[in-house]
N, C-alpha and C. Protein backbone atom coordinates (compact mmCIF):
# COMPACT_ATOMS: atom_id res chain seq x y z
N MET A 1 -41.94 207.25 97.51
CA MET A 1 -42.18 205.87 98.12
C MET A 1 -43.09 205.95 99.74
N ALA A 2 -43.89 205.27 99.60
CA ALA A 2 -45.04 205.38 100.59
C ALA A 2 -44.37 205.12 102.34
N ILE A 3 -44.74 205.73 102.95
CA ILE A 3 -44.39 205.23 104.74
C ILE A 3 -45.34 204.50 104.94
N SER A 4 -45.10 204.02 105.97
CA SER A 4 -45.60 202.78 107.03
C SER A 4 -45.38 203.57 108.53
N ARG A 5 -46.59 202.56 109.08
CA ARG A 5 -46.27 202.50 111.01
C ARG A 5 -44.41 201.88 110.94
N PHE A 6 -43.62 201.12 109.98
CA PHE A 6 -42.80 200.84 110.99
C PHE A 6 -41.77 202.23 110.68
N GLN A 7 -41.69 203.14 109.72
CA GLN A 7 -41.12 204.47 109.84
C GLN A 7 -41.72 205.58 110.59
N VAL A 8 -43.11 205.63 110.85
CA VAL A 8 -43.54 206.43 111.89
C VAL A 8 -42.68 205.75 113.04
N MET A 9 -42.74 204.66 114.25
CA MET A 9 -42.11 204.19 114.81
C MET A 9 -40.57 204.18 114.94
N ALA A 10 -39.70 204.33 113.87
CA ALA A 10 -38.64 204.26 114.07
C ALA A 10 -38.38 206.37 114.06
N VAL A 11 -39.05 207.27 113.65
CA VAL A 11 -38.61 208.50 113.66
C VAL A 11 -39.42 208.75 115.24
N LEU A 12 -40.23 208.72 115.50
CA LEU A 12 -40.69 208.54 116.75
C LEU A 12 -39.73 208.46 117.63
N GLN A 13 -39.03 206.77 117.80
CA GLN A 13 -38.03 206.55 118.90
C GLN A 13 -37.01 207.14 118.92
N ALA A 14 -36.55 207.54 117.69
CA ALA A 14 -35.88 207.85 117.78
C ALA A 14 -35.31 209.69 118.27
N ALA A 15 -36.78 210.20 118.07
CA ALA A 15 -36.96 211.80 118.27
C ALA A 15 -37.37 211.30 120.02
N ARG A 16 -37.70 210.49 120.54
CA ARG A 16 -37.45 209.80 121.57
C ARG A 16 -35.75 210.25 122.58
N ALA A 17 -35.32 209.48 122.11
CA ALA A 17 -33.55 209.29 122.19
C ALA A 17 -33.01 210.57 122.54
N TYR A 18 -33.16 211.37 121.12
CA TYR A 18 -32.57 212.38 121.03
C TYR A 18 -33.32 213.03 121.86
N VAL A 19 -34.37 213.43 122.71
CA VAL A 19 -35.14 214.18 123.58
C VAL A 19 -34.14 213.73 124.88
N LEU A 20 -34.88 212.64 125.18
CA LEU A 20 -33.88 211.73 126.17
C LEU A 20 -31.81 212.57 125.98
N GLY A 21 -31.64 212.93 125.11
CA GLY A 21 -29.90 213.47 125.18
C GLY A 21 -28.98 212.58 124.63
N TYR A 22 -29.71 212.15 124.05
CA TYR A 22 -28.78 210.81 123.15
C TYR A 22 -28.17 212.36 121.59
N SER A 23 -27.05 211.74 121.45
CA SER A 23 -26.74 212.20 120.28
C SER A 23 -27.49 212.25 118.47
N LEU A 24 -27.85 212.62 117.78
CA LEU A 24 -28.44 212.45 116.43
C LEU A 24 -28.13 211.00 115.97
N PRO A 25 -26.92 210.66 115.81
CA PRO A 25 -26.18 209.69 115.25
C PRO A 25 -26.92 208.00 116.08
N THR A 26 -26.94 208.24 116.94
CA THR A 26 -27.61 207.33 118.39
C THR A 26 -29.07 207.32 118.41
N ALA A 27 -29.53 208.55 118.55
CA ALA A 27 -30.65 208.38 118.43
C ALA A 27 -31.10 207.85 117.00
N LYS A 28 -30.51 208.14 115.65
CA LYS A 28 -31.55 207.17 114.84
C LYS A 28 -31.24 205.69 114.66
N SER A 29 -29.99 205.03 115.26
CA SER A 29 -29.80 204.24 115.59
C SER A 29 -30.82 203.15 116.32
N PHE A 30 -31.25 204.13 117.93
CA PHE A 30 -32.56 203.26 118.54
C PHE A 30 -33.37 203.44 117.81
N GLY A 31 -33.68 204.74 117.15
CA GLY A 31 -35.46 204.54 117.01
C GLY A 31 -35.18 203.45 115.85
N LEU A 32 -34.35 203.20 114.69
CA LEU A 32 -34.30 201.74 113.75
C LEU A 32 -34.09 200.21 114.42
N ASN A 33 -33.77 200.39 115.18
CA ASN A 33 -33.33 199.39 116.35
C ASN A 33 -34.92 199.12 117.02
N ARG A 34 -35.65 200.27 117.37
CA ARG A 34 -37.07 199.80 118.22
C ARG A 34 -38.02 199.42 116.86
N ALA A 35 -37.61 200.10 115.77
CA ALA A 35 -38.60 199.63 114.94
C ALA A 35 -38.72 198.12 114.39
N ILE A 36 -37.52 198.11 114.26
CA ILE A 36 -37.36 196.52 113.95
C ILE A 36 -37.41 195.53 114.82
N PHE A 37 -37.36 195.89 116.00
CA PHE A 37 -37.74 194.91 117.23
C PHE A 37 -38.78 195.48 117.57
N TYR A 38 -39.68 195.86 117.06
CA TYR A 38 -41.48 195.66 117.03
C TYR A 38 -42.05 194.91 116.27
N ALA A 39 -41.58 195.18 114.92
CA ALA A 39 -41.43 194.34 113.58
C ALA A 39 -41.64 192.52 113.92
N ALA A 40 -40.33 192.59 114.48
CA ALA A 40 -40.25 190.99 114.94
C ALA A 40 -41.44 190.92 116.45
N ALA A 41 -41.55 191.61 116.84
CA ALA A 41 -42.22 191.17 117.87
C ALA A 41 -43.62 190.47 116.77
N LYS A 42 -43.95 191.64 116.42
CA LYS A 42 -45.12 191.02 115.79
C LYS A 42 -45.35 190.26 114.83
N LYS A 43 -44.22 189.82 113.93
CA LYS A 43 -43.91 188.51 113.56
C LYS A 43 -43.51 186.91 114.50
N GLY A 44 -43.40 187.45 115.41
CA GLY A 44 -42.97 186.11 116.32
C GLY A 44 -41.17 186.42 116.15
N PHE A 45 -40.56 186.61 117.38
CA PHE A 45 -38.58 186.24 117.22
C PHE A 45 -38.86 184.86 117.10
N LYS A 46 -37.71 184.43 116.05
CA LYS A 46 -37.03 183.33 116.41
C LYS A 46 -35.67 183.27 116.96
N THR A 47 -35.38 181.63 117.35
CA THR A 47 -34.26 181.76 118.14
C THR A 47 -32.95 182.71 117.52
N GLN A 48 -32.01 182.95 117.86
CA GLN A 48 -30.90 182.63 117.30
C GLN A 48 -30.03 182.36 118.61
N LYS A 49 -28.42 183.07 117.68
CA LYS A 49 -27.41 182.97 118.81
C LYS A 49 -27.23 184.48 119.39
N PRO A 50 -26.41 184.12 120.30
CA PRO A 50 -26.00 185.51 120.81
C PRO A 50 -26.13 186.13 119.71
N GLN A 51 -26.16 187.83 120.69
CA GLN A 51 -25.78 189.12 119.50
C GLN A 51 -24.13 189.06 119.06
N LYS A 52 -23.52 188.96 120.29
CA LYS A 52 -21.80 189.21 120.37
C LYS A 52 -21.67 187.63 118.71
N GLU A 53 -22.03 187.01 119.14
CA GLU A 53 -21.46 185.96 117.90
C GLU A 53 -22.00 185.84 116.16
N LEU A 54 -23.26 186.57 116.50
CA LEU A 54 -23.93 187.04 114.97
C LEU A 54 -23.35 188.05 114.46
N LEU A 55 -23.01 188.98 115.56
CA LEU A 55 -22.03 190.50 114.87
C LEU A 55 -21.10 190.09 114.17
N ARG A 56 -20.21 188.98 114.70
CA ARG A 56 -19.16 188.46 113.91
C ARG A 56 -18.96 188.43 112.49
N LYS A 57 -20.23 187.23 112.34
CA LYS A 57 -20.85 186.89 110.87
C LYS A 57 -21.18 187.67 110.12
N LYS A 58 -22.20 188.84 110.87
CA LYS A 58 -22.78 189.90 109.72
C LYS A 58 -21.93 191.32 109.27
N VAL A 59 -20.60 191.47 110.36
CA VAL A 59 -20.51 192.47 110.22
C VAL A 59 -18.93 192.17 108.97
N LYS A 60 -19.17 192.82 108.00
CA LYS A 60 -17.99 193.20 107.05
C LYS A 60 -17.03 194.12 107.19
N LEU A 61 -16.11 194.13 107.88
CA LEU A 61 -15.03 195.09 108.40
C LEU A 61 -13.73 194.21 108.59
N PRO A 62 -12.41 194.83 108.34
CA PRO A 62 -11.32 194.49 108.87
C PRO A 62 -11.28 193.67 110.31
N GLU A 63 -10.61 192.56 110.43
CA GLU A 63 -10.45 192.03 111.18
C GLU A 63 -10.13 192.50 113.04
N GLU A 64 -9.05 193.38 112.86
CA GLU A 64 -8.76 194.50 113.95
C GLU A 64 -10.22 194.97 114.23
N LYS A 65 -10.81 195.90 113.49
CA LYS A 65 -12.17 196.67 113.64
C LYS A 65 -13.47 195.79 114.04
N ILE A 66 -13.66 194.72 113.92
CA ILE A 66 -14.53 193.63 114.57
C ILE A 66 -13.67 193.46 115.97
N GLU A 67 -12.83 193.37 116.00
CA GLU A 67 -12.30 192.83 117.50
C GLU A 67 -12.51 194.30 118.49
N GLN A 68 -11.99 195.01 117.98
CA GLN A 68 -12.45 196.67 118.29
C GLN A 68 -13.37 197.20 118.95
N ILE A 69 -15.09 196.68 117.51
CA ILE A 69 -16.08 196.59 117.87
C ILE A 69 -16.75 195.27 119.01
N GLU A 70 -16.22 194.16 119.02
CA GLU A 70 -16.38 193.58 119.94
C GLU A 70 -16.33 193.72 121.11
N LYS A 71 -14.92 194.68 122.02
CA LYS A 71 -15.10 194.79 122.94
C LYS A 71 -15.75 196.02 123.28
N SER A 72 -16.62 196.87 122.49
CA SER A 72 -17.24 197.62 123.10
C SER A 72 -18.82 197.28 123.44
N PHE A 73 -19.13 195.88 123.09
CA PHE A 73 -20.70 195.15 123.13
C PHE A 73 -21.08 195.34 124.87
N GLY A 74 -21.83 195.94 124.14
CA GLY A 74 -22.54 195.76 125.62
C GLY A 74 -24.35 196.37 125.50
N ILE A 75 -25.01 196.69 126.68
CA ILE A 75 -26.48 196.58 126.75
C ILE A 75 -26.29 197.87 127.98
N GLU A 76 -27.25 198.79 126.78
CA GLU A 76 -27.65 200.23 126.55
C GLU A 76 -29.08 200.13 127.80
N LYS A 77 -29.21 201.41 128.43
CA LYS A 77 -31.00 201.29 129.00
C LYS A 77 -31.30 202.32 129.32
N ILE A 78 -32.10 202.56 128.08
CA ILE A 78 -32.99 203.69 128.04
C ILE A 78 -34.12 203.62 128.39
N GLY A 79 -34.49 204.52 130.29
CA GLY A 79 -35.43 204.02 130.71
C GLY A 79 -35.79 202.66 131.05
N ASP A 80 -36.95 202.15 130.91
CA ASP A 80 -36.95 200.48 131.31
C ASP A 80 -36.90 199.59 130.13
N GLU A 81 -36.30 200.58 129.01
CA GLU A 81 -36.21 199.77 128.06
C GLU A 81 -34.80 199.50 127.56
N ILE A 82 -33.84 198.20 127.39
CA ILE A 82 -32.70 197.84 126.95
C ILE A 82 -32.30 196.82 125.55
N ALA A 83 -31.40 197.66 125.33
CA ALA A 83 -31.01 197.12 123.61
C ALA A 83 -29.05 196.66 123.53
N TYR A 84 -28.78 196.03 122.82
CA TYR A 84 -27.72 196.10 122.64
C TYR A 84 -27.14 197.13 121.71
N CYS A 85 -25.71 197.32 122.25
CA CYS A 85 -24.56 198.42 121.41
C CYS A 85 -23.70 198.03 121.37
N VAL A 86 -22.80 199.33 120.31
CA VAL A 86 -21.35 198.59 120.55
C VAL A 86 -20.98 200.26 119.70
N ILE A 87 -19.64 200.47 119.77
CA ILE A 87 -18.94 201.57 119.86
C ILE A 87 -18.40 201.28 118.52
N VAL A 88 -18.43 202.28 117.21
CA VAL A 88 -18.07 202.28 116.28
C VAL A 88 -17.98 203.64 115.82
N ASP A 89 -15.56 203.98 115.91
CA ASP A 89 -15.63 205.24 115.38
C ASP A 89 -16.10 206.28 116.39
N GLY A 90 -16.42 206.11 117.56
CA GLY A 90 -16.59 207.24 118.98
C GLY A 90 -17.68 206.84 118.93
N ASN A 91 -19.03 206.18 118.17
CA ASN A 91 -20.25 206.58 118.33
C ASN A 91 -20.96 205.18 119.01
N LYS A 92 -22.17 205.28 119.90
CA LYS A 92 -22.86 204.31 120.04
C LYS A 92 -23.68 204.19 119.22
N PHE A 93 -23.58 202.86 118.60
CA PHE A 93 -24.80 201.95 117.84
C PHE A 93 -25.54 201.26 118.16
N PHE A 94 -27.25 200.82 117.66
CA PHE A 94 -27.85 199.46 118.30
C PHE A 94 -27.49 198.29 117.45
N THR A 95 -27.77 197.33 118.16
CA THR A 95 -27.86 196.20 116.99
C THR A 95 -28.82 195.29 117.70
N ILE A 96 -29.12 194.54 116.49
CA ILE A 96 -30.15 193.68 116.40
C ILE A 96 -30.14 192.44 115.47
N GLY A 97 -30.28 191.17 115.34
CA GLY A 97 -30.00 190.30 114.87
C GLY A 97 -28.43 190.39 114.40
N GLY A 98 -27.28 190.85 114.99
CA GLY A 98 -25.94 190.62 114.93
C GLY A 98 -26.00 192.16 113.58
N GLU A 99 -26.61 193.08 113.59
CA GLU A 99 -26.98 193.77 112.32
C GLU A 99 -26.50 195.10 113.28
N ILE A 100 -25.81 196.54 112.86
CA ILE A 100 -25.43 197.29 113.33
C ILE A 100 -26.29 198.56 113.19
N GLN A 101 -27.06 199.32 113.19
CA GLN A 101 -28.06 200.24 112.78
C GLN A 101 -27.18 201.31 112.91
N GLU A 102 -26.14 201.61 112.14
CA GLU A 102 -25.82 202.81 111.81
C GLU A 102 -27.01 203.68 111.24
N GLU A 103 -26.18 204.91 111.30
CA GLU A 103 -26.90 206.80 110.70
C GLU A 103 -27.08 205.82 109.39
N GLU A 104 -26.07 205.61 108.44
CA GLU A 104 -26.74 204.98 106.99
C GLU A 104 -27.87 204.23 106.73
N LYS A 105 -28.20 203.45 107.52
CA LYS A 105 -29.30 202.26 107.41
C LYS A 105 -30.89 202.97 107.33
N PHE A 106 -30.76 204.23 108.80
CA PHE A 106 -31.90 204.85 108.77
C PHE A 106 -31.73 205.93 107.70
N LYS A 107 -30.73 206.02 107.29
CA LYS A 107 -31.13 206.98 106.41
C LYS A 107 -31.71 206.65 104.68
N LYS A 108 -31.45 204.96 104.82
CA LYS A 108 -32.06 204.64 104.04
C LYS A 108 -33.35 203.83 103.88
N GLN A 109 -33.78 203.32 105.41
CA GLN A 109 -34.90 202.85 105.30
C GLN A 109 -35.35 203.31 105.88
N VAL A 110 -35.41 204.59 106.58
CA VAL A 110 -36.43 205.49 106.89
C VAL A 110 -36.41 207.18 106.11
N GLU A 111 -35.61 208.00 106.77
CA GLU A 111 -35.20 209.52 106.25
C GLU A 111 -35.85 209.24 104.44
N SER A 112 -35.06 208.40 103.44
CA SER A 112 -34.93 207.99 102.13
C SER A 112 -36.83 208.41 101.85
N ARG A 113 -38.19 207.68 102.73
CA ARG A 113 -39.36 207.84 102.21
C ARG A 113 -40.06 209.02 102.17
N PHE A 114 -38.90 209.99 103.21
CA PHE A 114 -40.47 210.82 103.38
C PHE A 114 -39.10 211.70 102.15
N LYS A 115 -40.37 212.91 102.20
CA LYS A 115 -40.02 213.72 101.10
C LYS A 115 -39.28 215.18 101.20
N ASN A 116 -39.89 215.41 102.36
CA ASN A 116 -39.45 216.35 103.69
C ASN A 116 -38.66 215.99 104.97
N PHE A 117 -38.13 215.26 105.53
CA PHE A 117 -37.54 214.52 106.43
C PHE A 117 -37.38 215.54 107.69
N GLU A 118 -36.55 216.47 107.11
CA GLU A 118 -36.66 217.88 108.38
C GLU A 118 -38.12 218.13 108.80
N LYS A 119 -39.14 218.42 108.23
CA LYS A 119 -40.15 218.91 108.86
C LYS A 119 -40.47 217.76 109.88
N VAL A 120 -40.80 216.44 108.88
CA VAL A 120 -41.34 215.12 109.74
C VAL A 120 -40.53 215.18 111.12
N TRP A 121 -39.20 215.07 111.16
CA TRP A 121 -38.08 215.03 112.51
C TRP A 121 -38.11 216.35 113.55
N GLU A 122 -38.75 217.51 112.97
CA GLU A 122 -39.12 218.98 113.96
C GLU A 122 -40.34 218.41 114.51
N GLU A 123 -41.53 217.49 113.90
CA GLU A 123 -42.77 217.21 114.68
C GLU A 123 -42.42 216.59 115.48
N ALA A 124 -41.74 214.96 115.39
CA ALA A 124 -41.60 213.96 116.21
C ALA A 124 -40.86 214.10 117.25
N VAL A 125 -39.83 215.64 116.82
CA VAL A 125 -39.27 216.37 118.18
C VAL A 125 -40.06 216.91 119.45
N SER A 126 -40.78 217.86 118.47
CA SER A 126 -42.14 218.87 119.26
C SER A 126 -43.11 217.69 119.79
N ILE A 127 -43.17 216.37 119.32
CA ILE A 127 -44.59 215.54 119.94
C ILE A 127 -43.79 214.73 121.28
N CYS A 128 -42.86 214.40 121.30
CA CYS A 128 -41.36 214.05 122.45
C CYS A 128 -41.73 214.82 123.51
N LYS A 129 -41.11 216.41 122.88
CA LYS A 129 -41.38 217.68 123.79
C LYS A 129 -42.68 217.72 124.85
N SER A 130 -43.58 217.29 124.42
CA SER A 130 -44.65 217.49 124.60
C SER A 130 -45.16 216.90 125.91
N VAL A 131 -44.65 215.51 126.28
CA VAL A 131 -44.77 214.45 126.62
C VAL A 131 -43.91 214.67 128.03
N ASP A 132 -44.59 214.44 129.20
CA ASP A 132 -43.75 214.17 130.57
C ASP A 132 -42.98 213.23 129.91
N LYS A 133 -40.91 213.29 130.86
CA LYS A 133 -40.01 212.51 130.58
C LYS A 133 -40.75 211.27 130.99
N GLY A 134 -41.37 211.07 132.00
CA GLY A 134 -41.76 209.73 132.66
C GLY A 134 -42.30 208.71 131.23
N ILE A 135 -42.88 209.55 131.06
CA ILE A 135 -43.97 208.93 129.44
C ILE A 135 -42.61 208.11 128.43
N LEU A 136 -41.27 208.96 128.63
CA LEU A 136 -40.30 208.68 127.43
C LEU A 136 -39.36 207.71 127.58
N LEU A 137 -39.41 207.59 129.01
CA LEU A 137 -38.37 206.90 130.12
C LEU A 137 -39.17 205.07 130.16
N SER A 138 -40.39 205.53 129.66
CA SER A 138 -41.00 203.57 129.64
C SER A 138 -41.54 203.71 128.30
N GLN A 139 -41.32 202.43 128.52
CA GLN A 139 -41.31 201.21 127.03
C GLN A 139 -43.03 201.26 126.87
N ARG A 140 -43.85 200.97 127.30
CA ARG A 140 -45.17 200.87 127.13
C ARG A 140 -45.90 202.25 127.68
N TYR A 141 -45.67 202.79 127.73
CA TYR A 141 -46.49 204.02 128.09
C TYR A 141 -45.78 204.57 127.25
N PHE A 142 -45.01 204.82 126.76
CA PHE A 142 -44.21 205.54 125.32
C PHE A 142 -45.06 205.23 123.81
N TYR A 143 -45.24 203.70 123.66
CA TYR A 143 -46.17 203.12 123.07
C TYR A 143 -47.56 203.05 122.98
N GLU A 144 -47.67 203.26 123.97
CA GLU A 144 -49.31 203.29 124.57
C GLU A 144 -50.09 204.72 124.06
N SER A 145 -49.45 206.35 125.07
CA SER A 145 -49.54 206.81 125.24
C SER A 145 -49.09 208.01 123.77
N VAL A 146 -48.03 207.90 123.10
CA VAL A 146 -47.48 209.09 121.61
C VAL A 146 -47.32 208.02 120.58
N TYR A 147 -46.85 206.73 120.84
CA TYR A 147 -47.46 206.19 118.95
C TYR A 147 -48.41 205.40 118.52
N LYS A 148 -48.95 204.83 119.75
CA LYS A 148 -49.95 204.19 119.29
C LYS A 148 -51.41 204.89 118.77
N PRO A 149 -51.85 205.83 119.41
CA PRO A 149 -52.42 206.77 119.39
C PRO A 149 -52.37 207.87 117.76
N ARG A 150 -51.34 207.83 117.28
CA ARG A 150 -50.75 208.83 116.23
C ARG A 150 -50.21 207.88 115.11
N ARG A 151 -50.09 206.35 115.49
CA ARG A 151 -49.67 206.09 114.34
C ARG A 151 -50.18 206.22 112.52
N ASP A 152 -51.41 205.69 113.27
CA ASP A 152 -52.04 205.88 111.25
C ASP A 152 -51.74 207.32 111.12
N TYR A 153 -52.68 208.52 111.72
CA TYR A 153 -52.80 209.81 111.42
C TYR A 153 -51.43 210.46 111.01
N LEU A 154 -50.20 209.71 111.87
CA LEU A 154 -48.97 210.49 110.76
C LEU A 154 -48.23 210.12 110.21
N VAL A 155 -48.88 208.05 109.29
CA VAL A 155 -48.59 207.82 107.96
C VAL A 155 -49.02 208.75 107.32
N GLN A 156 -50.69 209.15 107.59
CA GLN A 156 -50.88 209.69 106.45
C GLN A 156 -50.36 211.63 106.09
N LYS A 157 -50.43 211.47 107.47
CA LYS A 157 -49.71 213.46 107.41
C LYS A 157 -48.58 213.32 106.96
N TRP A 158 -47.20 212.57 107.33
CA TRP A 158 -46.21 212.71 107.20
C TRP A 158 -45.86 212.20 105.24
N SER A 159 -46.62 211.10 105.13
CA SER A 159 -47.02 210.47 103.65
C SER A 159 -46.68 211.87 102.78
N GLU A 160 -47.46 213.28 103.15
CA GLU A 160 -48.02 214.51 102.38
C GLU A 160 -46.92 215.36 102.19
N PHE A 161 -46.06 215.37 103.89
CA PHE A 161 -45.27 216.01 103.30
C PHE A 161 -44.03 216.30 102.43
């Protein structure tokens, strides 16, 4: 299966969060969340109901579990960037459009596209470790100096891994 800029964005953003100290499941959730965010921004955002209301409609879980998740609903700040998040079974996961970006979704939409995801992940983490922490903490600088100049090169390179 071919990879695209979407997968490159998701992996680099996940590596960014991981290098900044987030757990692997949370980092992967953030990576997928940001890839979805940028894809939506490119197409133009649609007006929707508040995240918390969407969550109840889209999450298929027992009522008591949904109530627990709703109580944990909040905003997480990574550098100068904010995103909605919830706690599920002790792990922090990001949400967008009322959907929770759990690790399984990252595996399905991102990891499964690569022949050797471990090698891709190692390179993404290495790239993020090689830049100043201030760049990792800035949405704009990360996009402009880490993602944008590498995106097409990494699509091609990582497609060969």
